[in-house]
Amino acid sequence: MQLLKHFPKKSLLYTMVFVISAVTYSQDYKLDNDTSFMKIEGTSSLHDWHINVEKQAGNIVLHQSETISVKALNLTVESESLKSGKSRMDKNTYKALETDDYKNITFKLKKATEIKSLGDYTYEVKGKGQLTIVGNTKDITMTLKIEIKDDMVLLSGKNEIKMTDFGIEPPTALLGTIKTGDAITITYEATFKRN
C-alpha cells in the first residue's frame, strides 16, 4: 500500500487500462464466402435431395479473456444462390421461398447460453437466435463449434427446422405426385477472417 501512495495516479490508471486491454478484448471477424460451406438437405416421396448455398455473408464478434463470449453473430444467405444442379428443382425452391419479394434468408444470434472449452482454442457454444425466411422470424436454438486459429474463426454446426414453421409450403412436382418432406437439415462450416 505504501508503494501505491507514491505511484502517480495517472500512471497507475494507464497501467491498469493497459493490463485489462491486454487480457480481454473484442474482435470482429467477417465471413469469407469462398472458404465457407452451407448445405440444405431434405427428403421427398421419390428420393432424398440437397441444395448448396453459393452466396453468404456475415460477421462474428468474440470477446476473449480466459475464455470467450460471443457478442454477435449475423448471417445472410442470398435466396437465389441456393443451387441444386437441377434447374426445375431450383425453380420450385425459389417459388417456395418467394424470392421475388424476399431476397435473403437471415440469422441473428440473440444470446449464447452456454460456452464449454474443448481445449486448443476450440469451444462448444449453445445459443438462441432468430432465423428469418420469407419474412417470417422464428426463435431457434443451436449448438455451434467455434475454433480460433490465428486471425480466423471456424464455425460449424447443424440444425433441423420445419418449412411450415416459416409459412413455407413444402414444394411438390409432377402435379403433386412427388412431395417434399417438411423437415430440412442445414449443415454449415463457415470461415470468418479478422477485419
N, C-alpha and C. Protein backbone atom coordinates (compact mmCIF):
# COMPACT_ATOMS: atom_id res chain seq x y z
N MET A 1 0.82 -1.20 0.00
CA MET A 1 0.00 0.00 0.00
C MET A 1 0.86 1.27 0.00
N GLN A 2 2.01 1.22 0.72
CA GLN A 2 2.90 2.36 0.75
C GLN A 2 3.41 2.69 -0.66
N LEU A 3 3.66 1.63 -1.46
CA LEU A 3 4.16 1.81 -2.82
C LEU A 3 3.13 2.55 -3.68
N LEU A 4 1.84 2.18 -3.52
CA LEU A 4 0.79 2.80 -4.31
C LEU A 4 0.62 4.28 -3.96
N LYS A 5 0.94 4.64 -2.70
CA LYS A 5 0.81 6.03 -2.28
C LYS A 5 1.72 6.94 -3.10
N HIS A 6 2.92 6.45 -3.40
CA HIS A 6 3.91 7.26 -4.10
C HIS A 6 3.85 7.09 -5.62
N PHE A 7 2.96 6.17 -6.10
CA PHE A 7 2.83 5.93 -7.54
C PHE A 7 1.87 6.96 -8.12
N PRO A 8 2.25 7.72 -9.13
CA PRO A 8 1.37 8.74 -9.70
C PRO A 8 0.02 8.14 -10.14
N LYS A 9 -1.06 8.83 -9.78
CA LYS A 9 -2.39 8.30 -10.06
C LYS A 9 -2.63 8.10 -11.55
N LYS A 10 -2.17 9.06 -12.36
CA LYS A 10 -2.37 8.96 -13.80
C LYS A 10 -1.63 7.76 -14.37
N SER A 11 -0.41 7.52 -13.91
CA SER A 11 0.39 6.38 -14.38
C SER A 11 -0.27 5.07 -13.96
N LEU A 12 -0.82 5.03 -12.74
CA LEU A 12 -1.50 3.83 -12.26
C LEU A 12 -2.71 3.52 -13.12
N LEU A 13 -3.47 4.56 -13.48
CA LEU A 13 -4.65 4.39 -14.33
C LEU A 13 -4.27 3.84 -15.69
N TYR A 14 -3.24 4.43 -16.31
CA TYR A 14 -2.79 3.95 -17.62
C TYR A 14 -2.34 2.50 -17.55
N THR A 15 -1.64 2.15 -16.49
CA THR A 15 -1.15 0.78 -16.33
C THR A 15 -2.31 -0.20 -16.21
N MET A 16 -3.32 0.17 -15.41
CA MET A 16 -4.48 -0.70 -15.24
C MET A 16 -5.22 -0.90 -16.56
N VAL A 17 -5.42 0.17 -17.32
CA VAL A 17 -6.09 0.09 -18.62
C VAL A 17 -5.31 -0.81 -19.57
N PHE A 18 -3.99 -0.68 -19.57
CA PHE A 18 -3.14 -1.49 -20.43
C PHE A 18 -3.25 -2.97 -20.08
N VAL A 19 -3.20 -3.28 -18.78
CA VAL A 19 -3.27 -4.68 -18.33
C VAL A 19 -4.62 -5.29 -18.69
N ILE A 20 -5.70 -4.55 -18.45
CA ILE A 20 -7.04 -5.06 -18.76
C ILE A 20 -7.20 -5.29 -20.25
N SER A 21 -6.74 -4.34 -21.06
CA SER A 21 -6.90 -4.46 -22.52
C SER A 21 -6.03 -5.57 -23.07
N ALA A 22 -4.91 -5.86 -22.40
CA ALA A 22 -4.03 -6.93 -22.86
C ALA A 22 -4.64 -8.29 -22.57
N VAL A 23 -5.47 -8.38 -21.52
CA VAL A 23 -6.04 -9.66 -21.11
C VAL A 23 -7.40 -9.91 -21.77
N THR A 24 -8.21 -8.85 -21.95
CA THR A 24 -9.53 -9.01 -22.54
C THR A 24 -9.71 -8.04 -23.70
N TYR A 25 -10.28 -8.53 -24.78
CA TYR A 25 -10.55 -7.66 -25.93
C TYR A 25 -11.61 -8.29 -26.81
N SER A 26 -12.27 -7.46 -27.62
CA SER A 26 -13.26 -7.94 -28.58
C SER A 26 -12.69 -7.81 -29.98
N GLN A 27 -13.03 -8.78 -30.82
CA GLN A 27 -12.53 -8.76 -32.19
C GLN A 27 -13.66 -9.13 -33.14
N ASP A 28 -13.76 -8.38 -34.23
CA ASP A 28 -14.78 -8.60 -35.25
C ASP A 28 -14.17 -9.38 -36.41
N TYR A 29 -14.87 -10.44 -36.83
CA TYR A 29 -14.41 -11.27 -37.95
C TYR A 29 -15.50 -11.29 -39.02
N LYS A 30 -15.09 -11.23 -40.27
CA LYS A 30 -16.02 -11.20 -41.41
C LYS A 30 -16.04 -12.55 -42.11
N LEU A 31 -17.24 -13.01 -42.48
CA LEU A 31 -17.37 -14.30 -43.16
C LEU A 31 -16.72 -14.26 -44.53
N ASP A 32 -15.94 -15.29 -44.84
CA ASP A 32 -15.30 -15.43 -46.15
C ASP A 32 -16.12 -16.42 -46.97
N ASN A 33 -16.84 -15.91 -47.96
CA ASN A 33 -17.74 -16.74 -48.76
C ASN A 33 -17.00 -17.85 -49.50
N ASP A 34 -15.79 -17.54 -50.00
CA ASP A 34 -15.06 -18.51 -50.83
C ASP A 34 -14.66 -19.77 -50.08
N THR A 35 -14.44 -19.66 -48.76
CA THR A 35 -13.99 -20.82 -47.99
C THR A 35 -15.06 -21.33 -47.02
N SER A 36 -16.29 -20.82 -47.16
CA SER A 36 -17.39 -21.26 -46.30
C SER A 36 -18.32 -22.18 -47.06
N PHE A 37 -19.00 -23.04 -46.31
CA PHE A 37 -19.84 -24.07 -46.91
C PHE A 37 -21.16 -24.16 -46.16
N MET A 38 -22.26 -24.24 -46.90
CA MET A 38 -23.57 -24.47 -46.29
C MET A 38 -24.39 -25.35 -47.22
N LYS A 39 -25.03 -26.35 -46.63
CA LYS A 39 -25.83 -27.29 -47.41
C LYS A 39 -27.18 -27.50 -46.74
N ILE A 40 -28.24 -27.58 -47.54
CA ILE A 40 -29.58 -27.86 -47.04
C ILE A 40 -30.01 -29.21 -47.59
N GLU A 41 -30.43 -30.10 -46.69
CA GLU A 41 -30.82 -31.45 -47.09
C GLU A 41 -32.26 -31.73 -46.68
N GLY A 42 -32.93 -32.53 -47.50
CA GLY A 42 -34.31 -32.90 -47.19
C GLY A 42 -34.69 -34.21 -47.83
N THR A 43 -35.95 -34.55 -47.70
CA THR A 43 -36.46 -35.80 -48.25
C THR A 43 -37.64 -35.50 -49.17
N SER A 44 -38.00 -36.49 -49.97
CA SER A 44 -39.22 -36.41 -50.78
C SER A 44 -39.76 -37.82 -50.94
N SER A 45 -40.95 -37.92 -51.52
CA SER A 45 -41.55 -39.23 -51.73
C SER A 45 -40.80 -40.03 -52.80
N LEU A 46 -39.90 -39.36 -53.54
CA LEU A 46 -39.13 -40.04 -54.59
C LEU A 46 -37.71 -40.35 -54.12
N HIS A 47 -37.00 -39.36 -53.59
CA HIS A 47 -35.62 -39.56 -53.14
C HIS A 47 -35.20 -38.39 -52.25
N ASP A 48 -34.10 -38.60 -51.53
CA ASP A 48 -33.53 -37.50 -50.74
C ASP A 48 -32.91 -36.47 -51.67
N TRP A 49 -32.76 -35.24 -51.19
CA TRP A 49 -32.21 -34.17 -52.03
C TRP A 49 -31.34 -33.25 -51.19
N HIS A 50 -30.52 -32.46 -51.87
CA HIS A 50 -29.73 -31.43 -51.18
C HIS A 50 -29.51 -30.23 -52.10
N ILE A 51 -29.31 -29.08 -51.46
CA ILE A 51 -29.04 -27.83 -52.17
C ILE A 51 -27.86 -27.15 -51.49
N ASN A 52 -26.93 -26.64 -52.29
CA ASN A 52 -25.79 -25.90 -51.75
C ASN A 52 -26.04 -24.40 -51.80
N VAL A 53 -25.51 -23.70 -50.82
CA VAL A 53 -25.59 -22.24 -50.77
C VAL A 53 -24.32 -21.67 -51.40
N GLU A 54 -24.47 -20.81 -52.40
CA GLU A 54 -23.31 -20.26 -53.08
C GLU A 54 -22.92 -18.86 -52.62
N LYS A 55 -23.86 -18.11 -52.03
CA LYS A 55 -23.54 -16.75 -51.61
C LYS A 55 -24.06 -16.50 -50.19
N GLN A 56 -23.12 -16.27 -49.28
CA GLN A 56 -23.48 -15.94 -47.91
C GLN A 56 -22.52 -14.88 -47.37
N ALA A 57 -22.97 -14.14 -46.39
CA ALA A 57 -22.16 -13.08 -45.79
C ALA A 57 -22.50 -13.02 -44.30
N GLY A 58 -21.67 -12.30 -43.54
CA GLY A 58 -21.96 -12.16 -42.12
C GLY A 58 -20.73 -11.80 -41.32
N ASN A 59 -20.91 -11.78 -40.01
CA ASN A 59 -19.78 -11.48 -39.12
C ASN A 59 -20.00 -12.12 -37.76
N ILE A 60 -18.90 -12.27 -37.03
CA ILE A 60 -18.95 -12.76 -35.65
C ILE A 60 -18.04 -11.87 -34.82
N VAL A 61 -18.50 -11.50 -33.64
CA VAL A 61 -17.70 -10.69 -32.72
C VAL A 61 -17.47 -11.52 -31.46
N LEU A 62 -16.20 -11.75 -31.15
CA LEU A 62 -15.82 -12.53 -29.98
C LEU A 62 -15.13 -11.64 -28.96
N HIS A 63 -15.46 -11.85 -27.71
CA HIS A 63 -14.77 -11.18 -26.60
C HIS A 63 -13.90 -12.25 -25.95
N GLN A 64 -12.61 -12.04 -25.96
CA GLN A 64 -11.68 -13.05 -25.47
C GLN A 64 -10.98 -12.60 -24.19
N SER A 65 -10.98 -13.49 -23.21
CA SER A 65 -10.19 -13.30 -21.99
C SER A 65 -9.64 -14.67 -21.64
N GLU A 66 -9.95 -15.21 -20.45
CA GLU A 66 -9.53 -16.57 -20.15
C GLU A 66 -10.34 -17.56 -20.97
N THR A 67 -11.58 -17.18 -21.26
CA THR A 67 -12.42 -17.97 -22.15
C THR A 67 -12.94 -17.00 -23.22
N ILE A 68 -14.03 -17.34 -23.89
CA ILE A 68 -14.60 -16.43 -24.89
C ILE A 68 -16.07 -16.18 -24.59
N SER A 69 -16.59 -15.09 -25.11
CA SER A 69 -18.03 -14.87 -25.16
C SER A 69 -18.34 -14.38 -26.57
N VAL A 70 -19.50 -14.78 -27.06
CA VAL A 70 -19.91 -14.39 -28.41
C VAL A 70 -20.81 -13.17 -28.30
N LYS A 71 -20.30 -12.02 -28.73
CA LYS A 71 -21.05 -10.77 -28.62
C LYS A 71 -22.03 -10.58 -29.77
N ALA A 72 -21.71 -11.14 -30.93
CA ALA A 72 -22.61 -11.01 -32.09
C ALA A 72 -22.31 -12.11 -33.09
N LEU A 73 -23.35 -12.56 -33.77
CA LEU A 73 -23.21 -13.49 -34.88
C LEU A 73 -24.36 -13.22 -35.83
N ASN A 74 -24.02 -12.79 -37.05
CA ASN A 74 -25.02 -12.46 -38.07
C ASN A 74 -24.68 -13.17 -39.37
N LEU A 75 -25.69 -13.77 -39.99
CA LEU A 75 -25.50 -14.47 -41.26
C LEU A 75 -26.61 -14.05 -42.23
N THR A 76 -26.24 -13.88 -43.50
CA THR A 76 -27.20 -13.58 -44.56
C THR A 76 -26.92 -14.50 -45.74
N VAL A 77 -27.96 -15.17 -46.21
CA VAL A 77 -27.85 -16.05 -47.38
C VAL A 77 -28.70 -15.46 -48.50
N GLU A 78 -28.13 -15.33 -49.68
CA GLU A 78 -28.88 -14.85 -50.84
C GLU A 78 -29.78 -15.99 -51.33
N SER A 79 -31.09 -15.78 -51.31
CA SER A 79 -32.05 -16.86 -51.57
C SER A 79 -31.83 -17.55 -52.91
N GLU A 80 -31.55 -16.77 -53.95
CA GLU A 80 -31.39 -17.38 -55.27
C GLU A 80 -29.97 -17.89 -55.51
N SER A 81 -29.16 -17.94 -54.45
CA SER A 81 -27.86 -18.58 -54.56
C SER A 81 -27.94 -20.04 -54.12
N LEU A 82 -29.15 -20.50 -53.75
CA LEU A 82 -29.34 -21.91 -53.44
C LEU A 82 -29.39 -22.68 -54.76
N LYS A 83 -28.45 -23.60 -54.94
CA LYS A 83 -28.33 -24.31 -56.21
C LYS A 83 -28.27 -25.83 -55.99
N SER A 84 -29.12 -26.54 -56.71
CA SER A 84 -29.16 -28.00 -56.61
C SER A 84 -28.47 -28.69 -57.78
N GLY A 85 -28.21 -27.92 -58.85
CA GLY A 85 -27.69 -28.52 -60.07
C GLY A 85 -28.81 -28.96 -61.01
N LYS A 86 -30.06 -28.75 -60.58
CA LYS A 86 -31.22 -29.12 -61.39
C LYS A 86 -32.12 -27.89 -61.50
N SER A 87 -32.27 -27.37 -62.70
CA SER A 87 -32.98 -26.09 -62.88
C SER A 87 -34.44 -26.16 -62.42
N ARG A 88 -35.11 -27.27 -62.66
CA ARG A 88 -36.52 -27.38 -62.27
C ARG A 88 -36.65 -27.34 -60.74
N MET A 89 -35.75 -28.03 -60.06
CA MET A 89 -35.78 -28.04 -58.60
C MET A 89 -35.48 -26.65 -58.05
N ASP A 90 -34.50 -25.97 -58.66
CA ASP A 90 -34.17 -24.61 -58.22
C ASP A 90 -35.37 -23.69 -58.40
N LYS A 91 -36.08 -23.84 -59.52
CA LYS A 91 -37.25 -23.01 -59.80
C LYS A 91 -38.32 -23.22 -58.73
N ASN A 92 -38.55 -24.49 -58.35
CA ASN A 92 -39.53 -24.79 -57.31
C ASN A 92 -39.10 -24.23 -55.95
N THR A 93 -37.79 -24.28 -55.70
CA THR A 93 -37.25 -23.75 -54.44
C THR A 93 -37.47 -22.25 -54.36
N TYR A 94 -37.15 -21.53 -55.45
CA TYR A 94 -37.31 -20.07 -55.46
C TYR A 94 -38.78 -19.67 -55.33
N LYS A 95 -39.66 -20.48 -55.91
CA LYS A 95 -41.09 -20.21 -55.79
C LYS A 95 -41.53 -20.36 -54.34
N ALA A 96 -41.06 -21.42 -53.68
CA ALA A 96 -41.42 -21.66 -52.28
C ALA A 96 -40.86 -20.57 -51.37
N LEU A 97 -39.68 -20.06 -51.71
CA LEU A 97 -39.04 -19.01 -50.90
C LEU A 97 -39.48 -17.60 -51.29
N GLU A 98 -40.34 -17.52 -52.30
CA GLU A 98 -40.87 -16.22 -52.76
C GLU A 98 -39.74 -15.22 -52.98
N THR A 99 -38.76 -15.64 -53.77
CA THR A 99 -37.54 -14.84 -53.93
C THR A 99 -37.76 -13.51 -54.64
N ASP A 100 -38.88 -13.36 -55.34
CA ASP A 100 -39.16 -12.05 -55.95
C ASP A 100 -39.37 -10.98 -54.87
N ASP A 101 -39.90 -11.40 -53.73
CA ASP A 101 -40.18 -10.47 -52.63
C ASP A 101 -39.16 -10.55 -51.50
N TYR A 102 -38.59 -11.73 -51.29
CA TYR A 102 -37.66 -11.94 -50.18
C TYR A 102 -36.32 -12.42 -50.72
N LYS A 103 -35.39 -11.49 -50.83
CA LYS A 103 -34.11 -11.76 -51.47
C LYS A 103 -33.14 -12.54 -50.59
N ASN A 104 -33.32 -12.43 -49.26
CA ASN A 104 -32.34 -13.02 -48.35
C ASN A 104 -32.99 -13.84 -47.24
N ILE A 105 -32.22 -14.77 -46.73
CA ILE A 105 -32.53 -15.51 -45.51
C ILE A 105 -31.51 -15.03 -44.47
N THR A 106 -31.97 -14.68 -43.28
CA THR A 106 -31.04 -14.11 -42.30
C THR A 106 -31.11 -14.84 -40.96
N PHE A 107 -29.99 -14.78 -40.26
CA PHE A 107 -29.92 -15.32 -38.90
C PHE A 107 -29.18 -14.31 -38.03
N LYS A 108 -29.69 -14.13 -36.80
CA LYS A 108 -29.05 -13.24 -35.83
C LYS A 108 -29.04 -13.91 -34.47
N LEU A 109 -27.86 -14.03 -33.88
CA LEU A 109 -27.75 -14.60 -32.54
C LEU A 109 -28.33 -13.63 -31.52
N LYS A 110 -29.20 -14.15 -30.64
CA LYS A 110 -29.75 -13.33 -29.56
C LYS A 110 -28.91 -13.48 -28.29
N LYS A 111 -28.50 -14.72 -28.00
CA LYS A 111 -27.76 -14.95 -26.77
C LYS A 111 -27.04 -16.29 -26.81
N ALA A 112 -25.78 -16.29 -26.39
CA ALA A 112 -25.06 -17.54 -26.17
C ALA A 112 -25.36 -17.97 -24.74
N THR A 113 -26.03 -19.10 -24.57
CA THR A 113 -26.48 -19.51 -23.24
C THR A 113 -25.46 -20.35 -22.49
N GLU A 114 -24.56 -21.00 -23.22
CA GLU A 114 -23.55 -21.85 -22.57
C GLU A 114 -22.33 -21.97 -23.47
N ILE A 115 -21.15 -21.82 -22.89
CA ILE A 115 -19.90 -21.97 -23.64
C ILE A 115 -19.00 -22.93 -22.89
N LYS A 116 -18.56 -23.98 -23.60
CA LYS A 116 -17.73 -25.01 -22.98
C LYS A 116 -16.43 -25.13 -23.77
N SER A 117 -15.30 -25.05 -23.05
CA SER A 117 -14.00 -25.18 -23.71
C SER A 117 -13.71 -26.64 -24.01
N LEU A 118 -13.29 -26.92 -25.25
CA LEU A 118 -12.91 -28.27 -25.66
C LEU A 118 -11.40 -28.40 -25.75
N GLY A 119 -10.68 -27.31 -25.39
CA GLY A 119 -9.22 -27.30 -25.47
C GLY A 119 -8.73 -26.84 -26.83
N ASP A 120 -7.47 -26.41 -26.89
CA ASP A 120 -6.84 -25.97 -28.14
C ASP A 120 -7.65 -24.87 -28.83
N TYR A 121 -8.13 -23.88 -28.07
CA TYR A 121 -8.88 -22.74 -28.60
C TYR A 121 -10.13 -23.16 -29.37
N THR A 122 -10.74 -24.25 -28.91
CA THR A 122 -11.97 -24.76 -29.52
C THR A 122 -13.07 -24.78 -28.45
N TYR A 123 -14.28 -24.35 -28.84
CA TYR A 123 -15.36 -24.20 -27.88
C TYR A 123 -16.67 -24.75 -28.45
N GLU A 124 -17.49 -25.29 -27.56
CA GLU A 124 -18.86 -25.66 -27.91
C GLU A 124 -19.76 -24.57 -27.36
N VAL A 125 -20.56 -23.99 -28.24
CA VAL A 125 -21.42 -22.86 -27.85
C VAL A 125 -22.87 -23.24 -28.10
N LYS A 126 -23.67 -23.13 -27.04
CA LYS A 126 -25.12 -23.31 -27.18
C LYS A 126 -25.76 -21.93 -27.13
N GLY A 127 -26.71 -21.70 -28.02
CA GLY A 127 -27.29 -20.37 -28.07
C GLY A 127 -28.69 -20.33 -28.64
N LYS A 128 -29.27 -19.13 -28.58
CA LYS A 128 -30.59 -18.88 -29.14
C LYS A 128 -30.48 -17.76 -30.16
N GLY A 129 -31.20 -17.90 -31.25
CA GLY A 129 -31.13 -16.88 -32.28
C GLY A 129 -32.44 -16.75 -33.01
N GLN A 130 -32.46 -15.82 -33.96
CA GLN A 130 -33.65 -15.58 -34.77
C GLN A 130 -33.34 -15.85 -36.24
N LEU A 131 -34.12 -16.75 -36.82
CA LEU A 131 -33.99 -17.09 -38.24
C LEU A 131 -35.18 -16.50 -38.98
N THR A 132 -34.90 -15.77 -40.08
CA THR A 132 -35.95 -15.14 -40.86
C THR A 132 -35.95 -15.70 -42.28
N ILE A 133 -37.08 -16.30 -42.66
CA ILE A 133 -37.26 -16.85 -44.00
C ILE A 133 -38.62 -16.38 -44.50
N VAL A 134 -38.68 -15.94 -45.74
CA VAL A 134 -39.88 -15.36 -46.38
C VAL A 134 -40.60 -14.38 -45.45
N GLY A 135 -39.82 -13.58 -44.76
CA GLY A 135 -40.39 -12.55 -43.91
C GLY A 135 -40.89 -13.02 -42.56
N ASN A 136 -40.81 -14.32 -42.29
CA ASN A 136 -41.25 -14.87 -41.01
C ASN A 136 -40.04 -15.13 -40.12
N THR A 137 -40.05 -14.56 -38.92
CA THR A 137 -38.94 -14.70 -37.98
C THR A 137 -39.33 -15.63 -36.85
N LYS A 138 -38.48 -16.64 -36.60
CA LYS A 138 -38.73 -17.60 -35.53
C LYS A 138 -37.48 -17.74 -34.67
N ASP A 139 -37.70 -17.98 -33.37
CA ASP A 139 -36.60 -18.27 -32.46
C ASP A 139 -36.16 -19.71 -32.64
N ILE A 140 -34.85 -19.92 -32.72
CA ILE A 140 -34.32 -21.29 -32.81
C ILE A 140 -33.18 -21.43 -31.81
N THR A 141 -32.91 -22.66 -31.41
CA THR A 141 -31.76 -22.96 -30.56
C THR A 141 -30.76 -23.75 -31.39
N MET A 142 -29.48 -23.62 -31.06
CA MET A 142 -28.47 -24.31 -31.83
C MET A 142 -27.25 -24.61 -30.95
N THR A 143 -26.46 -25.58 -31.42
CA THR A 143 -25.17 -25.88 -30.80
C THR A 143 -24.10 -25.69 -31.87
N LEU A 144 -23.14 -24.82 -31.59
CA LEU A 144 -22.09 -24.49 -32.55
C LEU A 144 -20.73 -24.95 -32.03
N LYS A 145 -19.84 -25.23 -32.94
CA LYS A 145 -18.44 -25.45 -32.59
C LYS A 145 -17.65 -24.27 -33.14
N ILE A 146 -16.89 -23.61 -32.27
CA ILE A 146 -16.08 -22.46 -32.67
C ILE A 146 -14.62 -22.78 -32.41
N GLU A 147 -13.81 -22.62 -33.44
CA GLU A 147 -12.37 -22.85 -33.32
C GLU A 147 -11.63 -21.58 -33.75
N ILE A 148 -10.74 -21.10 -32.88
CA ILE A 148 -9.98 -19.88 -33.18
C ILE A 148 -8.59 -20.29 -33.65
N LYS A 149 -8.24 -19.85 -34.87
CA LYS A 149 -6.93 -20.17 -35.45
C LYS A 149 -6.29 -18.90 -35.99
N ASP A 150 -5.25 -18.44 -35.32
CA ASP A 150 -4.56 -17.22 -35.74
C ASP A 150 -5.55 -16.08 -35.94
N ASP A 151 -5.70 -15.60 -37.19
CA ASP A 151 -6.61 -14.48 -37.45
C ASP A 151 -7.95 -14.95 -38.03
N MET A 152 -8.31 -16.23 -37.76
CA MET A 152 -9.55 -16.79 -38.30
C MET A 152 -10.38 -17.42 -37.19
N VAL A 153 -11.69 -17.48 -37.46
CA VAL A 153 -12.61 -18.23 -36.62
C VAL A 153 -13.35 -19.22 -37.52
N LEU A 154 -13.30 -20.50 -37.15
CA LEU A 154 -14.01 -21.54 -37.89
C LEU A 154 -15.24 -21.93 -37.09
N LEU A 155 -16.40 -21.84 -37.72
CA LEU A 155 -17.67 -22.11 -37.05
C LEU A 155 -18.38 -23.24 -37.80
N SER A 156 -18.87 -24.23 -37.08
CA SER A 156 -19.58 -25.33 -37.73
C SER A 156 -20.75 -25.78 -36.87
N GLY A 157 -21.73 -26.39 -37.53
CA GLY A 157 -22.89 -26.88 -36.80
C GLY A 157 -23.93 -27.45 -37.75
N LYS A 158 -25.03 -27.88 -37.16
CA LYS A 158 -26.12 -28.49 -37.93
C LYS A 158 -27.43 -28.20 -37.21
N ASN A 159 -28.44 -27.79 -37.97
CA ASN A 159 -29.76 -27.50 -37.40
C ASN A 159 -30.86 -28.11 -38.24
N GLU A 160 -31.89 -28.58 -37.58
CA GLU A 160 -33.07 -29.07 -38.29
C GLU A 160 -34.23 -28.12 -38.04
N ILE A 161 -34.93 -27.75 -39.09
CA ILE A 161 -36.11 -26.90 -38.97
C ILE A 161 -37.23 -27.49 -39.83
N LYS A 162 -38.43 -26.98 -39.64
CA LYS A 162 -39.56 -27.36 -40.48
C LYS A 162 -39.95 -26.17 -41.35
N MET A 163 -40.15 -26.44 -42.62
CA MET A 163 -40.53 -25.37 -43.54
C MET A 163 -41.85 -24.71 -43.14
N THR A 164 -42.80 -25.52 -42.68
CA THR A 164 -44.12 -24.98 -42.35
C THR A 164 -44.07 -24.02 -41.15
N ASP A 165 -43.03 -24.14 -40.30
CA ASP A 165 -42.88 -23.20 -39.19
C ASP A 165 -42.65 -21.78 -39.69
N PHE A 166 -42.19 -21.65 -40.94
CA PHE A 166 -41.92 -20.33 -41.53
C PHE A 166 -42.94 -19.98 -42.60
N GLY A 167 -44.05 -20.70 -42.61
CA GLY A 167 -45.11 -20.41 -43.57
C GLY A 167 -44.79 -20.88 -44.98
N ILE A 168 -43.84 -21.82 -45.11
CA ILE A 168 -43.46 -22.32 -46.44
C ILE A 168 -44.17 -23.64 -46.71
N GLU A 169 -44.85 -23.71 -47.82
CA GLU A 169 -45.48 -24.96 -48.24
C GLU A 169 -44.41 -25.83 -48.90
N PRO A 170 -44.14 -27.04 -48.37
CA PRO A 170 -43.13 -27.90 -48.98
C PRO A 170 -43.40 -28.11 -50.47
N PRO A 171 -42.40 -27.87 -51.32
CA PRO A 171 -42.62 -27.97 -52.78
C PRO A 171 -43.08 -29.35 -53.23
N THR A 172 -43.84 -29.35 -54.33
CA THR A 172 -44.27 -30.60 -54.96
C THR A 172 -43.88 -30.55 -56.44
N ALA A 173 -43.92 -31.72 -57.07
CA ALA A 173 -43.61 -31.80 -58.51
C ALA A 173 -44.52 -32.83 -59.17
N LEU A 174 -44.54 -32.79 -60.50
CA LEU A 174 -45.37 -33.70 -61.29
C LEU A 174 -46.81 -33.77 -60.78
N LEU A 175 -47.44 -32.59 -60.78
CA LEU A 175 -48.85 -32.45 -60.37
C LEU A 175 -49.11 -32.99 -58.97
N GLY A 176 -48.12 -32.81 -58.10
CA GLY A 176 -48.31 -33.21 -56.70
C GLY A 176 -47.99 -34.65 -56.39
N THR A 177 -47.56 -35.41 -57.40
CA THR A 177 -47.26 -36.83 -57.15
C THR A 177 -45.94 -37.02 -56.40
N ILE A 178 -45.04 -36.02 -56.51
CA ILE A 178 -43.80 -36.05 -55.74
C ILE A 178 -43.89 -34.96 -54.68
N LYS A 179 -43.81 -35.37 -53.42
CA LYS A 179 -43.96 -34.42 -52.31
C LYS A 179 -42.68 -34.34 -51.49
N THR A 180 -42.35 -33.11 -51.13
CA THR A 180 -41.16 -32.87 -50.32
C THR A 180 -41.51 -32.95 -48.83
N GLY A 181 -40.62 -33.57 -48.05
CA GLY A 181 -40.84 -33.64 -46.61
C GLY A 181 -40.72 -32.26 -45.97
N ASP A 182 -41.39 -32.07 -44.85
CA ASP A 182 -41.43 -30.78 -44.18
C ASP A 182 -40.09 -30.44 -43.51
N ALA A 183 -39.44 -31.42 -42.93
CA ALA A 183 -38.20 -31.18 -42.18
C ALA A 183 -37.00 -31.06 -43.11
N ILE A 184 -36.14 -30.07 -42.84
CA ILE A 184 -34.88 -29.94 -43.58
C ILE A 184 -33.74 -29.79 -42.57
N THR A 185 -32.55 -30.18 -43.00
CA THR A 185 -31.36 -30.08 -42.15
C THR A 185 -30.37 -29.12 -42.80
N ILE A 186 -29.91 -28.14 -42.04
CA ILE A 186 -28.94 -27.16 -42.52
C ILE A 186 -27.59 -27.47 -41.88
N THR A 187 -26.60 -27.75 -42.72
CA THR A 187 -25.24 -28.03 -42.24
C THR A 187 -24.33 -26.91 -42.71
N TYR A 188 -23.49 -26.38 -41.82
CA TYR A 188 -22.65 -25.25 -42.19
C TYR A 188 -21.24 -25.36 -41.61
N GLU A 189 -20.30 -24.89 -42.39
CA GLU A 189 -18.90 -24.75 -41.98
C GLU A 189 -18.43 -23.41 -42.50
N ALA A 190 -18.43 -22.41 -41.62
CA ALA A 190 -18.14 -21.04 -42.03
C ALA A 190 -16.76 -20.62 -41.55
N THR A 191 -16.06 -19.89 -42.42
CA THR A 191 -14.75 -19.33 -42.08
C THR A 191 -14.89 -17.82 -41.96
N PHE A 192 -14.50 -17.29 -40.82
CA PHE A 192 -14.53 -15.84 -40.58
C PHE A 192 -13.09 -15.34 -40.45
N LYS A 193 -12.80 -14.25 -41.14
CA LYS A 193 -11.44 -13.68 -41.08
C LYS A 193 -11.47 -12.32 -40.41
N ARG A 194 -10.40 -12.01 -39.70
CA ARG A 194 -10.33 -10.78 -38.92
C ARG A 194 -10.44 -9.56 -39.81
N ASN A 195 -11.26 -8.60 -39.42
CA ASN A 195 -11.42 -7.33 -40.17
C ASN A 195 -10.17 -6.46 -40.03
